[in-house]
Amino acid sequence: MAGLSDLSREEIEILLDLARREKQQADRGLVLARSRAADADRVVDRLQAEADRRAWPGWL
């Protein structure tokens, strides 16, 4: 298997460009995943609060 030192400058530039684009896509995906996880946390919190509220009699 060839190492990076075996690649031409042009090949390195092409791979670098591809790697940068892949990283940008991954970063965008990470931002979206974090946002979705935060949304899911809020839903779980609201549902848990409602379940807790219904589990206890109102007179306690």
Protein backbone atom coordinates (compact mmCIF):
# COMPACT_ATOMS: atom_id res chain seq x y z
CA MET A 1 0.00 0.00 0.00
CA ALA A 2 1.36 3.39 -0.98
CA GLY A 3 2.10 6.00 1.67
CA LEU A 4 1.40 9.71 1.43
CA SER A 5 4.99 10.33 0.37
CA ASP A 6 4.27 8.31 -2.78
CA LEU A 7 1.48 10.68 -3.89
CA SER A 8 1.97 13.69 -6.12
CA ARG A 9 1.22 17.21 -4.86
CA GLU A 10 -1.88 17.24 -7.07
CA GLU A 11 -3.12 13.95 -5.60
CA ILE A 12 -2.54 15.28 -2.07
CA GLU A 13 -4.51 18.45 -2.92
CA ILE A 14 -7.39 16.38 -4.30
CA LEU A 15 -7.47 14.14 -1.23
CA LEU A 16 -7.20 17.16 1.06
CA ASP A 17 -10.16 18.81 -0.68
CA LEU A 18 -12.21 15.61 -0.36
CA ALA A 19 -11.27 15.24 3.30
CA ARG A 20 -12.25 18.85 4.04
CA ARG A 21 -15.64 18.40 2.36
CA GLU A 22 -16.21 15.15 4.25
CA LYS A 23 -15.36 16.89 7.53
CA GLN A 24 -17.76 19.74 6.75
CA GLN A 25 -20.54 17.23 6.08
CA ALA A 26 -19.73 15.36 9.28
CA ASP A 27 -19.72 18.62 11.26
CA ARG A 28 -23.14 19.57 9.85
CA GLY A 29 -24.43 16.10 10.69
CA LEU A 30 -23.09 16.44 14.21
CA VAL A 31 -24.84 19.78 14.68
CA LEU A 32 -28.09 18.25 13.46
CA ALA A 33 -27.67 15.19 15.68
CA ARG A 34 -27.03 17.37 18.74
CA SER A 35 -30.10 19.44 17.95
CA ARG A 36 -32.25 16.33 17.56
CA ALA A 37 -30.88 14.89 20.81
CA ALA A 38 -31.73 18.14 22.61
CA ASP A 39 -35.25 18.02 21.14
CA ALA A 40 -35.62 14.42 22.28
CA ASP A 41 -34.42 15.35 25.78
CA ARG A 42 -37.10 18.04 26.01
CA VAL A 43 -39.80 15.60 24.88
CA VAL A 44 -38.65 12.98 27.39
CA ASP A 45 -38.59 15.59 30.17
CA ARG A 46 -42.12 16.77 29.38
CA LEU A 47 -43.48 13.24 29.14
CA GLN A 48 -41.71 12.20 32.35
CA ALA A 49 -43.12 15.23 34.18
CA GLU A 50 -46.62 14.36 32.98
CA ALA A 51 -46.19 10.70 33.94
CA ASP A 52 -44.94 11.74 37.39
CA ARG A 53 -47.81 14.17 37.82
CA ARG A 54 -50.34 11.46 37.01
CA ALA A 55 -48.66 8.89 39.26
CA TRP A 56 -49.25 10.89 42.45
CA PRO A 57 -52.65 11.72 43.90
CA GLY A 58 -53.43 15.41 43.78
CA TRP A 59 -53.87 15.67 47.54
CA LEU A 60 -50.23 14.83 48.38
